[in-house]
Every structure is written in C-alpha cells, then in structure tokens.
ModelCIF file with pLDDT and N, C-alpha, C, O atoms, coordinates in Angstrom:
data_MODEL
#
_entry.id   MODEL 
#
_entity.id                         1 
_entity.type                       polymer 
_entity.pdbx_number_of_molecules   1 
#
_entity_poly.entity_id                      1 
_entity_poly.type                           'polypeptide(L)' 
_entity_poly.nstd_linkage                   no 
_entity_poly.nstd_monomer                   no 
_entity_poly.pdbx_seq_one_letter_code       
;(UNK)(UNK)(UNK)(UNK)(UNK)(UNK)(UNK)(UNK)(UNK)(UNK)(UNK)(UNK)(UNK)(UNK)(UNK)(UNK)
(UNK)(UNK)(UNK)(UNK)(UNK)(UNK)(UNK)(UNK)(UNK)(UNK)(UNK)(UNK)(UNK)(UNK)(UNK)(UNK)
(UNK)(UNK)(UNK)(UNK)(UNK)(UNK)(UNK)(UNK)(UNK)(UNK)(UNK)(UNK)(UNK)(UNK)(UNK)(UNK)
;
_entity_poly.pdbx_seq_one_letter_code_can   XXXXXXXXXXXXXXXXXXXXXXXXXXXXXXXXXXXXXXXXXXXXXXXX 
_entity_poly.pdbx_strand_id                 A 
#
loop_
_entity_poly_seq.entity_id 
_entity_poly_seq.num 
_entity_poly_seq.mon_id 
_entity_poly_seq.hetero 
1 1  UNK n 
1 2  UNK n 
1 3  UNK n 
1 4  UNK n 
1 5  UNK n 
1 6  UNK n 
1 7  UNK n 
1 8  UNK n 
1 9  UNK n 
1 10 UNK n 
1 11 UNK n 
1 12 UNK n 
1 13 UNK n 
1 14 UNK n 
1 15 UNK n 
1 16 UNK n 
1 17 UNK n 
1 18 UNK n 
1 19 UNK n 
1 20 UNK n 
1 21 UNK n 
1 22 UNK n 
1 23 UNK n 
1 24 UNK n 
1 25 UNK n 
1 26 UNK n 
1 27 UNK n 
1 28 UNK n 
1 29 UNK n 
1 30 UNK n 
1 31 UNK n 
1 32 UNK n 
1 33 UNK n 
1 34 UNK n 
1 35 UNK n 
1 36 UNK n 
1 37 UNK n 
1 38 UNK n 
1 39 UNK n 
1 40 UNK n 
1 41 UNK n 
1 42 UNK n 
1 43 UNK n 
1 44 UNK n 
1 45 UNK n 
1 46 UNK n 
1 47 UNK n 
1 48 UNK n 
#
_struct_asym.id          A 
_struct_asym.entity_id   1 
#
loop_
_ma_qa_metric.id 
_ma_qa_metric.mode 
_ma_qa_metric.name 
_ma_qa_metric.software_group_id 
_ma_qa_metric.type 
1 global pLDDT . pLDDT 
2 local  pLDDT . pLDDT 
#
_ma_qa_metric_global.metric_id      1 
_ma_qa_metric_global.metric_value   97.94 
_ma_qa_metric_global.model_id       1 
_ma_qa_metric_global.ordinal_id     1 
#
loop_
_ma_qa_metric_local.label_asym_id 
_ma_qa_metric_local.label_comp_id 
_ma_qa_metric_local.label_seq_id 
_ma_qa_metric_local.metric_id 
_ma_qa_metric_local.metric_value 
_ma_qa_metric_local.model_id 
_ma_qa_metric_local.ordinal_id 
A UNK 1  2 98.00 1 1  
A UNK 2  2 98.00 1 2  
A UNK 3  2 98.00 1 3  
A UNK 4  2 98.00 1 4  
A UNK 5  2 98.00 1 5  
A UNK 6  2 98.00 1 6  
A UNK 7  2 98.00 1 7  
A UNK 8  2 98.00 1 8  
A UNK 9  2 98.00 1 9  
A UNK 10 2 98.00 1 10 
A UNK 11 2 98.00 1 11 
A UNK 12 2 98.00 1 12 
A UNK 13 2 97.00 1 13 
A UNK 14 2 98.00 1 14 
A UNK 15 2 98.00 1 15 
A UNK 16 2 98.00 1 16 
A UNK 17 2 98.00 1 17 
A UNK 18 2 98.00 1 18 
A UNK 19 2 98.00 1 19 
A UNK 20 2 98.00 1 20 
A UNK 21 2 98.00 1 21 
A UNK 22 2 98.00 1 22 
A UNK 23 2 98.00 1 23 
A UNK 24 2 98.00 1 24 
A UNK 25 2 97.00 1 25 
A UNK 26 2 97.00 1 26 
A UNK 27 2 98.00 1 27 
A UNK 28 2 98.00 1 28 
A UNK 29 2 98.00 1 29 
A UNK 30 2 98.00 1 30 
A UNK 31 2 98.00 1 31 
A UNK 32 2 98.00 1 32 
A UNK 33 2 98.00 1 33 
A UNK 34 2 98.00 1 34 
A UNK 35 2 98.00 1 35 
A UNK 36 2 98.00 1 36 
A UNK 37 2 98.00 1 37 
A UNK 38 2 98.00 1 38 
A UNK 39 2 98.00 1 39 
A UNK 40 2 98.00 1 40 
A UNK 41 2 98.00 1 41 
A UNK 42 2 98.00 1 42 
A UNK 43 2 98.00 1 43 
A UNK 44 2 98.00 1 44 
A UNK 45 2 98.00 1 45 
A UNK 46 2 98.00 1 46 
A UNK 47 2 98.00 1 47 
A UNK 48 2 98.00 1 48 
#
loop_
_atom_site.group_PDB 
_atom_site.id 
_atom_site.type_symbol 
_atom_site.label_atom_id 
_atom_site.label_alt_id 
_atom_site.label_comp_id 
_atom_site.label_asym_id 
_atom_site.label_entity_id 
_atom_site.label_seq_id 
_atom_site.pdbx_PDB_ins_code 
_atom_site.Cartn_x 
_atom_site.Cartn_y 
_atom_site.Cartn_z 
_atom_site.occupancy 
_atom_site.B_iso_or_equiv 
_atom_site.pdbx_formal_charge 
_atom_site.auth_seq_id 
_atom_site.auth_comp_id 
_atom_site.auth_asym_id 
_atom_site.auth_atom_id 
_atom_site.pdbx_PDB_model_num 
ATOM 1   N N  . UNK A 1 1  ? -51.635 47.580 39.901 1.00 98.00 ? 1  UNK A N  1 
ATOM 2   C CA . UNK A 1 1  ? -50.699 48.697 39.399 1.00 98.00 ? 1  UNK A CA 1 
ATOM 3   C C  . UNK A 1 1  ? -50.418 48.538 37.930 1.00 98.00 ? 1  UNK A C  1 
ATOM 4   O O  . UNK A 1 1  ? -50.421 47.478 37.303 1.00 98.00 ? 1  UNK A O  1 
ATOM 5   N N  . UNK A 1 2  ? -50.160 49.823 37.443 1.00 98.00 ? 2  UNK A N  1 
ATOM 6   C CA . UNK A 1 2  ? -49.785 49.923 36.050 1.00 98.00 ? 2  UNK A CA 1 
ATOM 7   C C  . UNK A 1 2  ? -48.481 50.817 36.070 1.00 98.00 ? 2  UNK A C  1 
ATOM 8   O O  . UNK A 1 2  ? -48.390 51.948 36.547 1.00 98.00 ? 2  UNK A O  1 
ATOM 9   N N  . UNK A 1 3  ? -47.576 50.141 35.505 1.00 98.00 ? 3  UNK A N  1 
ATOM 10  C CA . UNK A 1 3  ? -46.134 50.751 35.513 1.00 98.00 ? 3  UNK A CA 1 
ATOM 11  C C  . UNK A 1 3  ? -46.256 51.935 34.307 1.00 98.00 ? 3  UNK A C  1 
ATOM 12  O O  . UNK A 1 3  ? -47.104 51.893 33.416 1.00 98.00 ? 3  UNK A O  1 
ATOM 13  N N  . UNK A 1 4  ? -45.298 52.938 34.451 1.00 98.00 ? 4  UNK A N  1 
ATOM 14  C CA . UNK A 1 4  ? -45.045 53.722 33.212 1.00 98.00 ? 4  UNK A CA 1 
ATOM 15  C C  . UNK A 1 4  ? -44.775 53.075 32.116 1.00 98.00 ? 4  UNK A C  1 
ATOM 16  O O  . UNK A 1 4  ? -44.146 52.018 32.094 1.00 98.00 ? 4  UNK A O  1 
ATOM 17  N N  . UNK A 1 5  ? -45.305 53.755 30.960 1.00 98.00 ? 5  UNK A N  1 
ATOM 18  C CA . UNK A 1 5  ? -45.169 52.987 29.493 1.00 98.00 ? 5  UNK A CA 1 
ATOM 19  C C  . UNK A 1 5  ? -43.658 53.000 29.161 1.00 98.00 ? 5  UNK A C  1 
ATOM 20  O O  . UNK A 1 5  ? -42.971 54.010 29.311 1.00 98.00 ? 5  UNK A O  1 
ATOM 21  N N  . UNK A 1 6  ? -43.188 51.843 28.709 1.00 98.00 ? 6  UNK A N  1 
ATOM 22  C CA . UNK A 1 6  ? -41.958 51.838 27.935 1.00 98.00 ? 6  UNK A CA 1 
ATOM 23  C C  . UNK A 1 6  ? -42.165 52.535 26.487 1.00 98.00 ? 6  UNK A C  1 
ATOM 24  O O  . UNK A 1 6  ? -42.677 52.015 25.495 1.00 98.00 ? 6  UNK A O  1 
ATOM 25  N N  . UNK A 1 7  ? -41.687 53.723 26.603 1.00 98.00 ? 7  UNK A N  1 
ATOM 26  C CA . UNK A 1 7  ? -42.036 54.513 25.333 1.00 98.00 ? 7  UNK A CA 1 
ATOM 27  C C  . UNK A 1 7  ? -41.204 54.513 24.073 1.00 98.00 ? 7  UNK A C  1 
ATOM 28  O O  . UNK A 1 7  ? -41.553 55.143 23.075 1.00 98.00 ? 7  UNK A O  1 
ATOM 29  N N  . UNK A 1 8  ? -40.130 53.819 24.134 1.00 98.00 ? 8  UNK A N  1 
ATOM 30  C CA . UNK A 1 8  ? -39.364 53.485 23.009 1.00 98.00 ? 8  UNK A CA 1 
ATOM 31  C C  . UNK A 1 8  ? -39.164 52.114 22.672 1.00 98.00 ? 8  UNK A C  1 
ATOM 32  O O  . UNK A 1 8  ? -38.759 51.300 23.501 1.00 98.00 ? 8  UNK A O  1 
ATOM 33  N N  . UNK A 1 9  ? -39.449 51.805 21.409 1.00 98.00 ? 9  UNK A N  1 
ATOM 34  C CA . UNK A 1 9  ? -39.647 50.365 20.851 1.00 98.00 ? 9  UNK A CA 1 
ATOM 35  C C  . UNK A 1 9  ? -38.711 50.362 19.639 1.00 98.00 ? 9  UNK A C  1 
ATOM 36  O O  . UNK A 1 9  ? -37.818 51.179 19.415 1.00 98.00 ? 9  UNK A O  1 
ATOM 37  N N  . UNK A 1 10 ? -39.097 49.212 18.828 1.00 98.00 ? 10 UNK A N  1 
ATOM 38  C CA . UNK A 1 10 ? -38.329 48.803 17.601 1.00 98.00 ? 10 UNK A CA 1 
ATOM 39  C C  . UNK A 1 10 ? -39.134 49.304 16.471 1.00 98.00 ? 10 UNK A C  1 
ATOM 40  O O  . UNK A 1 10 ? -40.239 48.882 16.130 1.00 98.00 ? 10 UNK A O  1 
ATOM 41  N N  . UNK A 1 11 ? -38.377 50.358 15.872 1.00 98.00 ? 11 UNK A N  1 
ATOM 42  C CA . UNK A 1 11 ? -39.056 51.102 14.732 1.00 98.00 ? 11 UNK A CA 1 
ATOM 43  C C  . UNK A 1 11 ? -38.208 51.452 13.508 1.00 98.00 ? 11 UNK A C  1 
ATOM 44  O O  . UNK A 1 11 ? -38.463 52.504 12.923 1.00 98.00 ? 11 UNK A O  1 
ATOM 45  N N  . UNK A 1 12 ? -37.275 50.706 13.094 1.00 98.00 ? 12 UNK A N  1 
ATOM 46  C CA . UNK A 1 12 ? -36.189 51.243 12.134 1.00 98.00 ? 12 UNK A CA 1 
ATOM 47  C C  . UNK A 1 12 ? -36.708 51.728 10.914 1.00 98.00 ? 12 UNK A C  1 
ATOM 48  O O  . UNK A 1 12 ? -36.142 52.678 10.373 1.00 98.00 ? 12 UNK A O  1 
ATOM 49  N N  . UNK A 1 13 ? -37.709 51.206 10.404 1.00 97.00 ? 13 UNK A N  1 
ATOM 50  C CA . UNK A 1 13 ? -38.356 51.482 9.103  1.00 97.00 ? 13 UNK A CA 1 
ATOM 51  C C  . UNK A 1 13 ? -38.801 53.045 9.109  1.00 97.00 ? 13 UNK A C  1 
ATOM 52  O O  . UNK A 1 13 ? -38.817 53.672 8.050  1.00 97.00 ? 13 UNK A O  1 
ATOM 53  N N  . UNK A 1 14 ? -39.100 53.544 10.128 1.00 98.00 ? 14 UNK A N  1 
ATOM 54  C CA . UNK A 1 14 ? -39.681 55.080 10.119 1.00 98.00 ? 14 UNK A CA 1 
ATOM 55  C C  . UNK A 1 14 ? -38.480 56.064 10.363 1.00 98.00 ? 14 UNK A C  1 
ATOM 56  O O  . UNK A 1 14 ? -38.745 57.256 10.516 1.00 98.00 ? 14 UNK A O  1 
ATOM 57  N N  . UNK A 1 15 ? -37.396 55.710 10.401 1.00 98.00 ? 15 UNK A N  1 
ATOM 58  C CA . UNK A 1 15 ? -36.343 56.537 10.809 1.00 98.00 ? 15 UNK A CA 1 
ATOM 59  C C  . UNK A 1 15 ? -36.058 57.756 9.877  1.00 98.00 ? 15 UNK A C  1 
ATOM 60  O O  . UNK A 1 15 ? -35.274 58.656 10.175 1.00 98.00 ? 15 UNK A O  1 
ATOM 61  N N  . UNK A 1 16 ? -36.783 57.693 8.706  1.00 98.00 ? 16 UNK A N  1 
ATOM 62  C CA . UNK A 1 16 ? -36.645 58.988 7.903  1.00 98.00 ? 16 UNK A CA 1 
ATOM 63  C C  . UNK A 1 16 ? -37.688 60.034 8.164  1.00 98.00 ? 16 UNK A C  1 
ATOM 64  O O  . UNK A 1 16 ? -37.734 61.115 7.577  1.00 98.00 ? 16 UNK A O  1 
ATOM 65  N N  . UNK A 1 17 ? -38.565 59.608 9.142  1.00 98.00 ? 17 UNK A N  1 
ATOM 66  C CA . UNK A 1 17 ? -39.485 60.605 9.739  1.00 98.00 ? 17 UNK A CA 1 
ATOM 67  C C  . UNK A 1 17 ? -39.002 61.227 10.987 1.00 98.00 ? 17 UNK A C  1 
ATOM 68  O O  . UNK A 1 17 ? -38.895 60.547 12.008 1.00 98.00 ? 17 UNK A O  1 
ATOM 69  N N  . UNK A 1 18 ? -38.684 62.566 10.962 1.00 98.00 ? 18 UNK A N  1 
ATOM 70  C CA . UNK A 1 18 ? -38.149 63.273 12.193 1.00 98.00 ? 18 UNK A CA 1 
ATOM 71  C C  . UNK A 1 18 ? -39.017 63.156 13.545 1.00 98.00 ? 18 UNK A C  1 
ATOM 72  O O  . UNK A 1 18 ? -40.188 63.535 13.546 1.00 98.00 ? 18 UNK A O  1 
ATOM 73  N N  . UNK A 1 19 ? -38.468 62.672 14.583 1.00 98.00 ? 19 UNK A N  1 
ATOM 74  C CA . UNK A 1 19 ? -39.147 62.516 15.751 1.00 98.00 ? 19 UNK A CA 1 
ATOM 75  C C  . UNK A 1 19 ? -39.194 61.106 16.146 1.00 98.00 ? 19 UNK A C  1 
ATOM 76  O O  . UNK A 1 19 ? -39.522 60.772 17.285 1.00 98.00 ? 19 UNK A O  1 
ATOM 77  N N  . UNK A 1 20 ? -38.857 60.230 15.186 1.00 98.00 ? 20 UNK A N  1 
ATOM 78  C CA . UNK A 1 20 ? -39.076 58.670 15.470 1.00 98.00 ? 20 UNK A CA 1 
ATOM 79  C C  . UNK A 1 20 ? -37.670 58.419 16.292 1.00 98.00 ? 20 UNK A C  1 
ATOM 80  O O  . UNK A 1 20 ? -36.624 59.038 16.099 1.00 98.00 ? 20 UNK A O  1 
ATOM 81  N N  . UNK A 1 21 ? -37.868 57.456 17.173 1.00 98.00 ? 21 UNK A N  1 
ATOM 82  C CA . UNK A 1 21 ? -36.656 56.902 17.969 1.00 98.00 ? 21 UNK A CA 1 
ATOM 83  C C  . UNK A 1 21 ? -37.004 55.438 17.954 1.00 98.00 ? 21 UNK A C  1 
ATOM 84  O O  . UNK A 1 21 ? -38.096 54.960 18.263 1.00 98.00 ? 21 UNK A O  1 
ATOM 85  N N  . UNK A 1 22 ? -35.791 54.703 17.501 1.00 98.00 ? 22 UNK A N  1 
ATOM 86  C CA . UNK A 1 22 ? -35.800 53.409 17.510 1.00 98.00 ? 22 UNK A CA 1 
ATOM 87  C C  . UNK A 1 22 ? -34.672 52.718 18.329 1.00 98.00 ? 22 UNK A C  1 
ATOM 88  O O  . UNK A 1 22 ? -33.526 53.160 18.255 1.00 98.00 ? 22 UNK A O  1 
ATOM 89  N N  . UNK A 1 23 ? -34.962 51.672 19.090 1.00 98.00 ? 23 UNK A N  1 
ATOM 90  C CA . UNK A 1 23 ? -33.935 50.843 19.839 1.00 98.00 ? 23 UNK A CA 1 
ATOM 91  C C  . UNK A 1 23 ? -33.618 49.680 18.798 1.00 98.00 ? 23 UNK A C  1 
ATOM 92  O O  . UNK A 1 23 ? -34.404 49.282 17.938 1.00 98.00 ? 23 UNK A O  1 
ATOM 93  N N  . UNK A 1 24 ? -32.357 49.215 19.020 1.00 98.00 ? 24 UNK A N  1 
ATOM 94  C CA . UNK A 1 24 ? -31.800 48.041 18.403 1.00 98.00 ? 24 UNK A CA 1 
ATOM 95  C C  . UNK A 1 24 ? -32.607 46.963 19.064 1.00 98.00 ? 24 UNK A C  1 
ATOM 96  O O  . UNK A 1 24 ? -32.934 47.060 20.247 1.00 98.00 ? 24 UNK A O  1 
ATOM 97  N N  . UNK A 1 25 ? -32.945 45.896 18.285 1.00 97.00 ? 25 UNK A N  1 
ATOM 98  C CA . UNK A 1 25 ? -33.576 44.621 18.867 1.00 97.00 ? 25 UNK A CA 1 
ATOM 99  C C  . UNK A 1 25 ? -32.749 44.055 20.001 1.00 97.00 ? 25 UNK A C  1 
ATOM 100 O O  . UNK A 1 25 ? -33.344 43.532 20.943 1.00 97.00 ? 25 UNK A O  1 
ATOM 101 N N  . UNK A 1 26 ? -31.473 44.114 19.993 1.00 97.00 ? 26 UNK A N  1 
ATOM 102 C CA . UNK A 1 26 ? -30.717 43.581 21.176 1.00 97.00 ? 26 UNK A CA 1 
ATOM 103 C C  . UNK A 1 26 ? -30.969 44.497 22.391 1.00 97.00 ? 26 UNK A C  1 
ATOM 104 O O  . UNK A 1 26 ? -31.250 43.970 23.467 1.00 97.00 ? 26 UNK A O  1 
ATOM 105 N N  . UNK A 1 27 ? -30.879 45.934 22.274 1.00 98.00 ? 27 UNK A N  1 
ATOM 106 C CA . UNK A 1 27 ? -31.201 46.841 23.303 1.00 98.00 ? 27 UNK A CA 1 
ATOM 107 C C  . UNK A 1 27 ? -32.449 46.631 23.877 1.00 98.00 ? 27 UNK A C  1 
ATOM 108 O O  . UNK A 1 27 ? -32.569 46.606 25.101 1.00 98.00 ? 27 UNK A O  1 
ATOM 109 N N  . UNK A 1 28 ? -33.534 46.454 23.012 1.00 98.00 ? 28 UNK A N  1 
ATOM 110 C CA . UNK A 1 28 ? -34.966 46.254 23.490 1.00 98.00 ? 28 UNK A CA 1 
ATOM 111 C C  . UNK A 1 28 ? -35.123 44.928 24.224 1.00 98.00 ? 28 UNK A C  1 
ATOM 112 O O  . UNK A 1 28 ? -35.800 44.842 25.249 1.00 98.00 ? 28 UNK A O  1 
ATOM 113 N N  . UNK A 1 29 ? -34.476 43.886 23.671 1.00 98.00 ? 29 UNK A N  1 
ATOM 114 C CA . UNK A 1 29 ? -34.641 42.596 24.510 1.00 98.00 ? 29 UNK A CA 1 
ATOM 115 C C  . UNK A 1 29 ? -33.960 42.815 25.780 1.00 98.00 ? 29 UNK A C  1 
ATOM 116 O O  . UNK A 1 29 ? -34.512 42.369 26.786 1.00 98.00 ? 29 UNK A O  1 
ATOM 117 N N  . UNK A 1 30 ? -32.735 43.493 25.910 1.00 98.00 ? 30 UNK A N  1 
ATOM 118 C CA . UNK A 1 30 ? -32.084 43.705 27.235 1.00 98.00 ? 30 UNK A CA 1 
ATOM 119 C C  . UNK A 1 30 ? -33.059 44.416 28.118 1.00 98.00 ? 30 UNK A C  1 
ATOM 120 O O  . UNK A 1 30 ? -33.222 43.998 29.264 1.00 98.00 ? 30 UNK A O  1 
ATOM 121 N N  . UNK A 1 31 ? -33.820 45.611 27.613 1.00 98.00 ? 31 UNK A N  1 
ATOM 122 C CA . UNK A 1 31 ? -34.583 46.480 28.426 1.00 98.00 ? 31 UNK A CA 1 
ATOM 123 C C  . UNK A 1 31 ? -35.662 45.691 28.989 1.00 98.00 ? 31 UNK A C  1 
ATOM 124 O O  . UNK A 1 31 ? -35.941 45.842 30.178 1.00 98.00 ? 31 UNK A O  1 
ATOM 125 N N  . UNK A 1 32 ? -36.424 44.703 28.127 1.00 98.00 ? 32 UNK A N  1 
ATOM 126 C CA . UNK A 1 32 ? -37.491 43.980 28.557 1.00 98.00 ? 32 UNK A CA 1 
ATOM 127 C C  . UNK A 1 32 ? -37.141 43.014 29.710 1.00 98.00 ? 32 UNK A C  1 
ATOM 128 O O  . UNK A 1 32 ? -37.842 42.765 30.691 1.00 98.00 ? 32 UNK A O  1 
ATOM 129 N N  . UNK A 1 33 ? -35.890 42.503 29.397 1.00 98.00 ? 33 UNK A N  1 
ATOM 130 C CA . UNK A 1 33 ? -35.380 41.419 30.553 1.00 98.00 ? 33 UNK A CA 1 
ATOM 131 C C  . UNK A 1 33 ? -35.038 42.166 31.851 1.00 98.00 ? 33 UNK A C  1 
ATOM 132 O O  . UNK A 1 33 ? -35.317 41.707 32.959 1.00 98.00 ? 33 UNK A O  1 
ATOM 133 N N  . UNK A 1 34 ? -34.450 43.284 31.667 1.00 98.00 ? 34 UNK A N  1 
ATOM 134 C CA . UNK A 1 34 ? -34.246 44.078 33.075 1.00 98.00 ? 34 UNK A CA 1 
ATOM 135 C C  . UNK A 1 34 ? -35.445 44.525 33.719 1.00 98.00 ? 34 UNK A C  1 
ATOM 136 O O  . UNK A 1 34 ? -35.496 44.522 34.949 1.00 98.00 ? 34 UNK A O  1 
ATOM 137 N N  . UNK A 1 35 ? -36.630 44.994 32.872 1.00 98.00 ? 35 UNK A N  1 
ATOM 138 C CA . UNK A 1 35 ? -37.840 45.239 33.562 1.00 98.00 ? 35 UNK A CA 1 
ATOM 139 C C  . UNK A 1 35 ? -38.308 44.033 34.252 1.00 98.00 ? 35 UNK A C  1 
ATOM 140 O O  . UNK A 1 35 ? -38.625 44.153 35.435 1.00 98.00 ? 35 UNK A O  1 
ATOM 141 N N  . UNK A 1 36 ? -38.410 42.714 33.595 1.00 98.00 ? 36 UNK A N  1 
ATOM 142 C CA . UNK A 1 36 ? -38.940 41.673 34.329 1.00 98.00 ? 36 UNK A CA 1 
ATOM 143 C C  . UNK A 1 36 ? -38.090 41.285 35.497 1.00 98.00 ? 36 UNK A C  1 
ATOM 144 O O  . UNK A 1 36 ? -38.658 40.894 36.516 1.00 98.00 ? 36 UNK A O  1 
ATOM 145 N N  . UNK A 1 37 ? -36.827 41.352 35.454 1.00 98.00 ? 37 UNK A N  1 
ATOM 146 C CA . UNK A 1 37 ? -35.985 41.024 36.443 1.00 98.00 ? 37 UNK A CA 1 
ATOM 147 C C  . UNK A 1 37 ? -36.291 41.961 37.744 1.00 98.00 ? 37 UNK A C  1 
ATOM 148 O O  . UNK A 1 37 ? -36.271 41.508 38.888 1.00 98.00 ? 37 UNK A O  1 
ATOM 149 N N  . UNK A 1 38 ? -36.555 43.219 37.452 1.00 98.00 ? 38 UNK A N  1 
ATOM 150 C CA . UNK A 1 38 ? -36.767 44.187 38.516 1.00 98.00 ? 38 UNK A CA 1 
ATOM 151 C C  . UNK A 1 38 ? -38.053 43.817 39.064 1.00 98.00 ? 38 UNK A C  1 
ATOM 152 O O  . UNK A 1 38 ? -38.089 43.646 40.283 1.00 98.00 ? 38 UNK A O  1 
ATOM 153 N N  . UNK A 1 39 ? -39.134 43.656 38.386 1.00 98.00 ? 39 UNK A N  1 
ATOM 154 C CA . UNK A 1 39 ? -40.471 43.278 38.929 1.00 98.00 ? 39 UNK A CA 1 
ATOM 155 C C  . UNK A 1 39 ? -40.399 41.999 39.696 1.00 98.00 ? 39 UNK A C  1 
ATOM 156 O O  . UNK A 1 39 ? -41.037 41.935 40.747 1.00 98.00 ? 39 UNK A O  1 
ATOM 157 N N  . UNK A 1 40 ? -39.630 40.872 39.255 1.00 98.00 ? 40 UNK A N  1 
ATOM 158 C CA . UNK A 1 40 ? -39.569 39.760 40.012 1.00 98.00 ? 40 UNK A CA 1 
ATOM 159 C C  . UNK A 1 40 ? -38.914 39.932 41.478 1.00 98.00 ? 40 UNK A C  1 
ATOM 160 O O  . UNK A 1 40 ? -39.316 39.483 42.551 1.00 98.00 ? 40 UNK A O  1 
ATOM 161 N N  . UNK A 1 41 ? -37.688 40.785 41.168 1.00 98.00 ? 41 UNK A N  1 
ATOM 162 C CA . UNK A 1 41 ? -37.071 41.147 42.619 1.00 98.00 ? 41 UNK A CA 1 
ATOM 163 C C  . UNK A 1 41 ? -37.985 41.815 43.629 1.00 98.00 ? 41 UNK A C  1 
ATOM 164 O O  . UNK A 1 41 ? -37.868 41.521 44.819 1.00 98.00 ? 41 UNK A O  1 
ATOM 165 N N  . UNK A 1 42 ? -38.949 42.755 43.196 1.00 98.00 ? 42 UNK A N  1 
ATOM 166 C CA . UNK A 1 42 ? -40.081 43.271 44.016 1.00 98.00 ? 42 UNK A CA 1 
ATOM 167 C C  . UNK A 1 42 ? -40.854 42.419 44.609 1.00 98.00 ? 42 UNK A C  1 
ATOM 168 O O  . UNK A 1 42 ? -41.134 42.583 45.796 1.00 98.00 ? 42 UNK A O  1 
ATOM 169 N N  . UNK A 1 43 ? -41.325 41.382 43.910 1.00 98.00 ? 43 UNK A N  1 
ATOM 170 C CA . UNK A 1 43 ? -42.162 40.461 44.204 1.00 98.00 ? 43 UNK A CA 1 
ATOM 171 C C  . UNK A 1 43 ? -43.397 40.302 43.506 1.00 98.00 ? 43 UNK A C  1 
ATOM 172 O O  . UNK A 1 43 ? -44.381 39.762 44.012 1.00 98.00 ? 43 UNK A O  1 
ATOM 173 N N  . UNK A 1 44 ? -43.354 40.799 42.273 1.00 98.00 ? 44 UNK A N  1 
ATOM 174 C CA . UNK A 1 44 ? -44.345 40.497 41.264 1.00 98.00 ? 44 UNK A CA 1 
ATOM 175 C C  . UNK A 1 44 ? -44.185 39.157 40.659 1.00 98.00 ? 44 UNK A C  1 
ATOM 176 O O  . UNK A 1 44 ? -43.100 38.764 40.232 1.00 98.00 ? 44 UNK A O  1 
ATOM 177 N N  . UNK A 1 45 ? -45.345 38.411 40.624 1.00 98.00 ? 45 UNK A N  1 
ATOM 178 C CA . UNK A 1 45 ? -45.322 37.033 39.960 1.00 98.00 ? 45 UNK A CA 1 
ATOM 179 C C  . UNK A 1 45 ? -46.184 36.942 38.746 1.00 98.00 ? 45 UNK A C  1 
ATOM 180 O O  . UNK A 1 45 ? -45.890 36.098 37.901 1.00 98.00 ? 45 UNK A O  1 
ATOM 181 N N  . UNK A 1 46 ? -47.263 37.755 38.559 1.00 98.00 ? 46 UNK A N  1 
ATOM 182 C CA . UNK A 1 46 ? -47.965 37.767 37.432 1.00 98.00 ? 46 UNK A CA 1 
ATOM 183 C C  . UNK A 1 46 ? -47.894 39.145 36.739 1.00 98.00 ? 46 UNK A C  1 
ATOM 184 O O  . UNK A 1 46 ? -48.126 40.199 37.333 1.00 98.00 ? 46 UNK A O  1 
ATOM 185 N N  . UNK A 1 47 ? -47.530 39.047 35.344 1.00 98.00 ? 47 UNK A N  1 
ATOM 186 C CA . UNK A 1 47 ? -47.400 40.251 34.773 1.00 98.00 ? 47 UNK A CA 1 
ATOM 187 C C  . UNK A 1 47 ? -47.889 40.217 33.455 1.00 98.00 ? 47 UNK A C  1 
ATOM 188 O O  . UNK A 1 47 ? -47.676 39.247 32.726 1.00 98.00 ? 47 UNK A O  1 
ATOM 189 N N  . UNK A 1 48 ? -48.609 41.325 33.049 1.00 98.00 ? 48 UNK A N  1 
ATOM 190 C CA . UNK A 1 48 ? -49.143 41.492 31.642 1.00 98.00 ? 48 UNK A CA 1 
ATOM 191 C C  . UNK A 1 48 ? -48.259 42.547 30.999 1.00 98.00 ? 48 UNK A C  1 
ATOM 192 O O  . UNK A 1 48 ? -48.459 42.895 29.836 1.00 98.00 ? 48 UNK A O  1 
#
C-alpha cells in the first residue's frame, strides 16, 4: 500500500513565488514523526 502524498515540505527560498507553501523545519520534523508513529501503531514495520 501507498499512502497519500505529504504535499507540503520545506521550501522557504521560493516564498516570493505565489502558490508556494513552506513548513518550518520543526513543523515538518513533527509531521514526519507523527506519520511514523501512526504507521507503527497500525502495525507497519517496514516503511519507505
């Protein structure tokens, strides 16, 4: 199974281009940890 794409990343350098959305590094790190925590709780043990 493939999960939906995490569509927002870290891209502060392009913020002068309308439509760009950037997460703070701390926010992004927290999102990744929360995703991994959720997958572990579900029972996934090998993740790409």
